[in-house]
PDB file of N, CA and C in Angstrom:
ATOM      1  N   MET A   1       4.317 -25.681  -5.031  1.00  0.00           N
ATOM      2  CA  MET A   1       4.911 -24.938  -3.943  1.00  0.00           C
ATOM      3  C   MET A   1       4.280 -25.327  -2.640  1.00  0.00           C
ATOM      4  N   LYS A   2       5.028 -25.535  -1.652  1.00  0.00           N
ATOM      5  CA  LYS A   2       4.599 -25.847  -0.260  1.00  0.00           C
ATOM      6  C   LYS A   2       4.379 -24.583   0.529  1.00  0.00           C
ATOM      7  N   ALA A   3       3.562 -24.655   1.546  1.00  0.00           N
ATOM      8  CA  ALA A   3       3.295 -23.496   2.406  1.00  0.00           C
ATOM      9  C   ALA A   3       4.574 -22.864   2.967  1.00  0.00           C
ATOM     10  N   LYS A   4       5.538 -23.758   3.396  1.00  0.00           N
ATOM     11  CA  LYS A   4       6.775 -23.259   3.936  1.00  0.00           C
ATOM     12  C   LYS A   4       7.513 -22.392   2.911  1.00  0.00           C
ATOM     13  N   GLU A   5       7.496 -22.800   1.639  1.00  0.00           N
ATOM     14  CA  GLU A   5       8.192 -22.054   0.570  1.00  0.00           C
ATOM     15  C   GLU A   5       7.558 -20.676   0.380  1.00  0.00           C
ATOM     16  N   LEU A   6       6.193 -20.674   0.380  1.00  0.00           N
ATOM     17  CA  LEU A   6       5.468 -19.440   0.204  1.00  0.00           C
ATOM     18  C   LEU A   6       5.749 -18.539   1.388  1.00  0.00           C
ATOM     19  N   ILE A   7       5.747 -19.028   2.622  1.00  0.00           N
ATOM     20  CA  ILE A   7       6.032 -18.221   3.775  1.00  0.00           C
ATOM     21  C   ILE A   7       7.427 -17.621   3.666  1.00  0.00           C
ATOM     22  N   GLU A   8       8.386 -18.403   3.254  1.00  0.00           N
ATOM     23  CA  GLU A   8       9.796 -17.879   3.141  1.00  0.00           C
ATOM     24  C   GLU A   8       9.844 -16.743   2.063  1.00  0.00           C
ATOM     25  N   LEU A   9       9.129 -16.901   0.977  1.00  0.00           N
ATOM     26  CA  LEU A   9       9.119 -15.870  -0.048  1.00  0.00           C
ATOM     27  C   LEU A   9       8.447 -14.597   0.475  1.00  0.00           C
ATOM     28  N   LEU A  10       7.359 -14.743   1.191  1.00  0.00           N
ATOM     29  CA  LEU A  10       6.648 -13.621   1.735  1.00  0.00           C
ATOM     30  C   LEU A  10       7.396 -12.935   2.816  1.00  0.00           C
ATOM     31  N   GLU A  11       8.159 -13.672   3.618  1.00  0.00           N
ATOM     32  CA  GLU A  11       8.960 -13.069   4.707  1.00  0.00           C
ATOM     33  C   GLU A  11      10.016 -12.126   4.155  1.00  0.00           C
ATOM     34  N   ALA A  12      10.446 -12.268   2.896  1.00  0.00           N
ATOM     35  CA  ALA A  12      11.414 -11.358   2.269  1.00  0.00           C
ATOM     36  C   ALA A  12      10.794 -10.077   1.731  1.00  0.00           C
ATOM     37  N   MET A  13       9.484 -10.004   1.777  1.00  0.00           N
ATOM     38  CA  MET A  13       8.750  -8.819   1.265  1.00  0.00           C
ATOM     39  C   MET A  13       8.448  -7.858   2.452  1.00  0.00           C
ATOM     40  N   PRO A  14       8.241  -6.561   2.098  1.00  0.00           N
ATOM     41  CA  PRO A  14       7.824  -5.621   3.151  1.00  0.00           C
ATOM     42  C   PRO A  14       6.474  -6.077   3.739  1.00  0.00           C
ATOM     43  N   GLU A  15       6.394  -5.909   5.080  1.00  0.00           N
ATOM     44  CA  GLU A  15       5.178  -6.410   5.793  1.00  0.00           C
ATOM     45  C   GLU A  15       3.912  -5.659   5.359  1.00  0.00           C
ATOM     46  N   ASP A  16       4.032  -4.385   4.868  1.00  0.00           N
ATOM     47  CA  ASP A  16       2.857  -3.629   4.527  1.00  0.00           C
ATOM     48  C   ASP A  16       2.549  -3.712   3.025  1.00  0.00           C
ATOM     49  N   ALA A  17       3.223  -4.588   2.274  1.00  0.00           N
ATOM     50  CA  ALA A  17       3.036  -4.731   0.862  1.00  0.00           C
ATOM     51  C   ALA A  17       1.637  -5.379   0.585  1.00  0.00           C
ATOM     52  N   THR A  18       0.964  -4.864  -0.459  1.00  0.00           N
ATOM     53  CA  THR A  18      -0.296  -5.447  -0.893  1.00  0.00           C
ATOM     54  C   THR A  18      -0.010  -6.772  -1.603  1.00  0.00           C
ATOM     55  N   VAL A  19      -0.883  -7.761  -1.398  1.00  0.00           N
ATOM     56  CA  VAL A  19      -0.732  -9.055  -2.036  1.00  0.00           C
ATOM     57  C   VAL A  19      -1.840  -9.234  -3.065  1.00  0.00           C
ATOM     58  N   ARG A  20      -1.469  -9.623  -4.260  1.00  0.00           N
ATOM     59  CA  ARG A  20      -2.402  -9.871  -5.328  1.00  0.00           C
ATOM     60  C   ARG A  20      -1.998 -11.152  -6.064  1.00  0.00           C
ATOM     61  N   LEU A  21      -2.902 -11.742  -6.796  1.00  0.00           N
ATOM     62  CA  LEU A  21      -2.593 -12.880  -7.635  1.00  0.00           C
ATOM     63  C   LEU A  21      -2.330 -12.439  -9.065  1.00  0.00           C
ATOM     64  N   ALA A  22      -1.318 -12.982  -9.710  1.00  0.00           N
ATOM     65  CA  ALA A  22      -1.056 -12.740 -11.107  1.00  0.00           C
ATOM     66  C   ALA A  22      -1.554 -13.985 -11.874  1.00  0.00           C
ATOM     67  N   ILE A  23      -2.435 -13.785 -12.840  1.00  0.00           N
ATOM     68  CA  ILE A  23      -3.119 -14.854 -13.503  1.00  0.00           C
ATOM     69  C   ILE A  23      -2.919 -14.719 -14.997  1.00  0.00           C
ATOM     70  N   GLN A  24      -2.916 -15.844 -15.732  1.00  0.00           N
ATOM     71  CA  GLN A  24      -2.968 -15.946 -17.167  1.00  0.00           C
ATOM     72  C   GLN A  24      -1.785 -15.294 -17.906  1.00  0.00           C
ATOM     73  N   PRO A  25      -0.647 -16.014 -17.989  1.00  0.00           N
ATOM     74  CA  PRO A  25       0.574 -15.436 -18.633  1.00  0.00           C
ATOM     75  C   PRO A  25       0.261 -14.876 -20.053  1.00  0.00           C
ATOM     76  N   GLU A  26      -0.645 -15.474 -20.854  1.00  0.00           N
ATOM     77  CA  GLU A  26      -0.881 -14.989 -22.210  1.00  0.00           C
ATOM     78  C   GLU A  26      -1.777 -13.727 -22.210  1.00  0.00           C
ATOM     79  N   TYR A  27      -2.474 -13.484 -21.117  1.00  0.00           N
ATOM     80  CA  TYR A  27      -3.367 -12.341 -21.005  1.00  0.00           C
ATOM     81  C   TYR A  27      -3.225 -11.888 -19.538  1.00  0.00           C
ATOM     82  N   PRO A  28      -2.065 -11.353 -19.155  1.00  0.00           N
ATOM     83  CA  PRO A  28      -1.758 -11.135 -17.731  1.00  0.00           C
ATOM     84  C   PRO A  28      -2.687 -10.151 -17.014  1.00  0.00           C
ATOM     85  N   MET A  29      -3.354 -10.687 -16.045  1.00  0.00           N
ATOM     86  CA  MET A  29      -4.299  -9.884 -15.242  1.00  0.00           C
ATOM     87  C   MET A  29      -3.848  -9.978 -13.721  1.00  0.00           C
ATOM     88  N   GLU A  30      -4.297  -9.015 -12.900  1.00  0.00           N
ATOM     89  CA  GLU A  30      -4.077  -9.110 -11.517  1.00  0.00           C
ATOM     90  C   GLU A  30      -5.445  -9.211 -10.786  1.00  0.00           C
ATOM     91  N   HIS A  31      -5.418  -9.953  -9.691  1.00  0.00           N
ATOM     92  CA  HIS A  31      -6.638 -10.248  -8.933  1.00  0.00           C
ATOM     93  C   HIS A  31      -6.402  -9.982  -7.438  1.00  0.00           C
ATOM     94  N   THR A  32      -7.387  -9.414  -6.745  1.00  0.00           N
ATOM     95  CA  THR A  32      -7.258  -9.311  -5.295  1.00  0.00           C
ATOM     96  C   THR A  32      -7.589 -10.635  -4.648  1.00  0.00           C
ATOM     97  N   ILE A  33      -7.057 -10.814  -3.414  1.00  0.00           N
ATOM     98  CA  ILE A  33      -7.224 -12.070  -2.659  1.00  0.00           C
ATOM     99  C   ILE A  33      -8.436 -11.866  -1.661  1.00  0.00           C
ATOM    100  N   ASP A  34      -9.267 -12.897  -1.576  1.00  0.00           N
ATOM    101  CA  ASP A  34     -10.405 -12.810  -0.717  1.00  0.00           C
ATOM    102  C   ASP A  34     -10.197 -13.634   0.577  1.00  0.00           C
ATOM    103  N   ASN A  35      -9.745 -14.871   0.435  1.00  0.00           N
ATOM    104  CA  ASN A  35      -9.636 -15.765   1.575  1.00  0.00           C
ATOM    105  C   ASN A  35      -8.574 -16.815   1.345  1.00  0.00           C
ATOM    106  N   VAL A  36      -8.130 -17.429   2.432  1.00  0.00           N
ATOM    107  CA  VAL A  36      -7.149 -18.507   2.377  1.00  0.00           C
ATOM    108  C   VAL A  36      -7.718 -19.636   3.217  1.00  0.00           C
ATOM    109  N   VAL A  37      -7.805 -20.835   2.622  1.00  0.00           N
ATOM    110  CA  VAL A  37      -8.415 -21.929   3.353  1.00  0.00           C
ATOM    111  C   VAL A  37      -7.586 -23.179   3.198  1.00  0.00           C
ATOM    112  N   LEU A  38      -7.747 -24.156   4.062  1.00  0.00           N
ATOM    113  CA  LEU A  38      -7.140 -25.469   3.945  1.00  0.00           C
ATOM    114  C   LEU A  38      -8.245 -26.538   3.727  1.00  0.00           C
ATOM    115  N   ALA A  39      -8.088 -27.298   2.669  1.00  0.00           N
ATOM    116  CA  ALA A  39      -9.075 -28.384   2.361  1.00  0.00           C
ATOM    117  C   ALA A  39      -8.320 -29.562   1.800  1.00  0.00           C
ATOM    118  N   ASN A  40      -8.425 -30.752   2.437  1.00  0.00           N
ATOM    119  CA  ASN A  40      -7.765 -31.972   1.994  1.00  0.00           C
ATOM    120  C   ASN A  40      -6.258 -31.785   1.906  1.00  0.00           C
ATOM    121  N   GLY A  41      -5.705 -31.048   2.839  1.00  0.00           N
ATOM    122  CA  GLY A  41      -4.256 -30.855   2.830  1.00  0.00           C
ATOM    123  C   GLY A  41      -3.689 -29.871   1.827  1.00  0.00           C
ATOM    124  N   VAL A  42      -4.581 -29.128   1.158  1.00  0.00           N
ATOM    125  CA  VAL A  42      -4.164 -28.152   0.131  1.00  0.00           C
ATOM    126  C   VAL A  42      -4.608 -26.806   0.602  1.00  0.00           C
ATOM    127  N   VAL A  43      -3.750 -25.773   0.513  1.00  0.00           N
ATOM    128  CA  VAL A  43      -4.092 -24.389   0.808  1.00  0.00           C
ATOM    129  C   VAL A  43      -4.662 -23.754  -0.485  1.00  0.00           C
ATOM    130  N   TYR A  44      -5.842 -23.212  -0.343  1.00  0.00           N
ATOM    131  CA  TYR A  44      -6.501 -22.496  -1.509  1.00  0.00           C
ATOM    132  C   TYR A  44      -6.558 -21.037  -1.184  1.00  0.00           C
ATOM    133  N   ILE A  45      -6.217 -20.219  -2.157  1.00  0.00           N
ATOM    134  CA  ILE A  45      -6.330 -18.772  -2.069  1.00  0.00           C
ATOM    135  C   ILE A  45      -7.424 -18.365  -3.040  1.00  0.00           C
ATOM    136  N   SER A  46      -8.491 -17.737  -2.546  1.00  0.00           N
ATOM    137  CA  SER A  46      -9.561 -17.389  -3.429  1.00  0.00           C
ATOM    138  C   SER A  46      -9.428 -15.968  -3.911  1.00  0.00           C
ATOM    139  N   GLU A  47      -9.991 -15.789  -5.124  1.00  0.00           N
ATOM    140  CA  GLU A  47     -10.003 -14.454  -5.760  1.00  0.00           C
ATOM    141  C   GLU A  47     -11.187 -13.662  -5.270  1.00  0.00           C
ATOM    142  N   LEU A  48     -10.993 -12.403  -5.063  1.00  0.00           N
ATOM    143  CA  LEU A  48     -12.085 -11.489  -4.671  1.00  0.00           C
ATOM    144  C   LEU A  48     -12.605 -10.828  -5.965  1.00  0.00           C
ATOM    145  N   ARG A  49     -11.707 -10.225  -6.738  1.00  0.00           N
ATOM    146  CA  ARG A  49     -12.123  -9.606  -8.000  1.00  0.00           C
ATOM    147  C   ARG A  49     -10.914  -9.361  -8.875  1.00  0.00           C
ATOM    148  N   GLN A  50     -11.161  -9.265 -10.159  1.00  0.00           N
ATOM    149  CA  GLN A  50     -10.113  -8.910 -11.100  1.00  0.00           C
ATOM    150  C   GLN A  50      -9.931  -7.405 -11.067  1.00  0.00           C
ATOM    151  N   ARG A  51      -8.652  -6.911 -10.984  1.00  0.00           N
ATOM    152  CA  ARG A  51      -8.378  -5.518 -10.919  1.00  0.00           C
ATOM    153  C   ARG A  51      -8.038  -4.901 -12.272  1.00  0.00           C
ATOM    154  N   GLY A  52      -7.571  -5.687 -13.161  1.00  0.00           N
ATOM    155  CA  GLY A  52      -7.174  -5.204 -14.476  1.00  0.00           C
ATOM    156  C   GLY A  52      -5.849  -5.855 -14.941  1.00  0.00           C
ATOM    157  N   TYR A  53      -5.226  -5.245 -15.879  1.00  0.00           N
ATOM    158  CA  TYR A  53      -4.011  -5.779 -16.453  1.00  0.00           C
ATOM    159  C   TYR A  53      -2.906  -5.785 -15.459  1.00  0.00           C
ATOM    160  N   LEU A  54      -2.053  -6.752 -15.513  1.00  0.00           N
ATOM    161  CA  LEU A  54      -0.877  -6.893 -14.611  1.00  0.00           C
ATOM    162  C   LEU A  54       0.096  -5.831 -15.132  1.00  0.00           C
ATOM    163  N   PRO A  55       0.746  -5.024 -14.247  1.00  0.00           N
ATOM    164  CA  PRO A  55       1.683  -4.035 -14.695  1.00  0.00           C
ATOM    165  C   PRO A  55       2.875  -4.666 -15.452  1.00  0.00           C
ATOM    166  N   ASP A  56       3.399  -3.936 -16.429  1.00  0.00           N
ATOM    167  CA  ASP A  56       4.515  -4.449 -17.235  1.00  0.00           C
ATOM    168  C   ASP A  56       5.669  -4.946 -16.440  1.00  0.00           C
ATOM    169  N   GLU A  57       6.000  -4.188 -15.349  1.00  0.00           N
ATOM    170  CA  GLU A  57       7.150  -4.574 -14.506  1.00  0.00           C
ATOM    171  C   GLU A  57       6.921  -5.970 -13.894  1.00  0.00           C
ATOM    172  N   ALA A  58       5.670  -6.217 -13.436  1.00  0.00           N
ATOM    173  CA  ALA A  58       5.400  -7.552 -12.834  1.00  0.00           C
ATOM    174  C   ALA A  58       5.434  -8.616 -13.934  1.00  0.00           C
ATOM    175  N   VAL A  59       4.942  -8.350 -15.109  1.00  0.00           N
ATOM    176  CA  VAL A  59       5.007  -9.283 -16.203  1.00  0.00           C
ATOM    177  C   VAL A  59       6.499  -9.698 -16.503  1.00  0.00           C
ATOM    178  N   ALA A  60       7.322  -8.650 -16.509  1.00  0.00           N
ATOM    179  CA  ALA A  60       8.706  -8.926 -16.810  1.00  0.00           C
ATOM    180  C   ALA A  60       9.389  -9.751 -15.691  1.00  0.00           C
ATOM    181  N   GLU A  61       9.089  -9.341 -14.396  1.00  0.00           N
ATOM    182  CA  GLU A  61       9.679 -10.032 -13.278  1.00  0.00           C
ATOM    183  C   GLU A  61       9.251 -11.511 -13.226  1.00  0.00           C
ATOM    184  N   LEU A  62       8.063 -11.786 -13.658  1.00  0.00           N
ATOM    185  CA  LEU A  62       7.521 -13.196 -13.721  1.00  0.00           C
ATOM    186  C   LEU A  62       8.066 -13.941 -14.901  1.00  0.00           C
ATOM    187  N   GLY A  63       8.694 -13.260 -15.886  1.00  0.00           N
ATOM    188  CA  GLY A  63       9.190 -13.900 -17.069  1.00  0.00           C
ATOM    189  C   GLY A  63       8.110 -14.290 -18.060  1.00  0.00           C
ATOM    190  N   TRP A  64       6.989 -13.558 -17.982  1.00  0.00           N
ATOM    191  CA  TRP A  64       5.881 -13.856 -18.906  1.00  0.00           C
ATOM    192  C   TRP A  64       6.074 -12.984 -20.120  1.00  0.00           C
TER     193      TRP A  64
END
């Protein structure tokens, strides 16, 4: 995914929505975001901490 595509997806979301990372389709967990950086032309989003299991609704929406 390119940054432009991510921006377009995020622009369709409510501005006050919390953003988290969904990780591990076989063991779906959610993680909070710590930082966003650019290195060697790649945007990296770092994890702050694991929050717990991904909600069932999010798992279903992701098709996991």
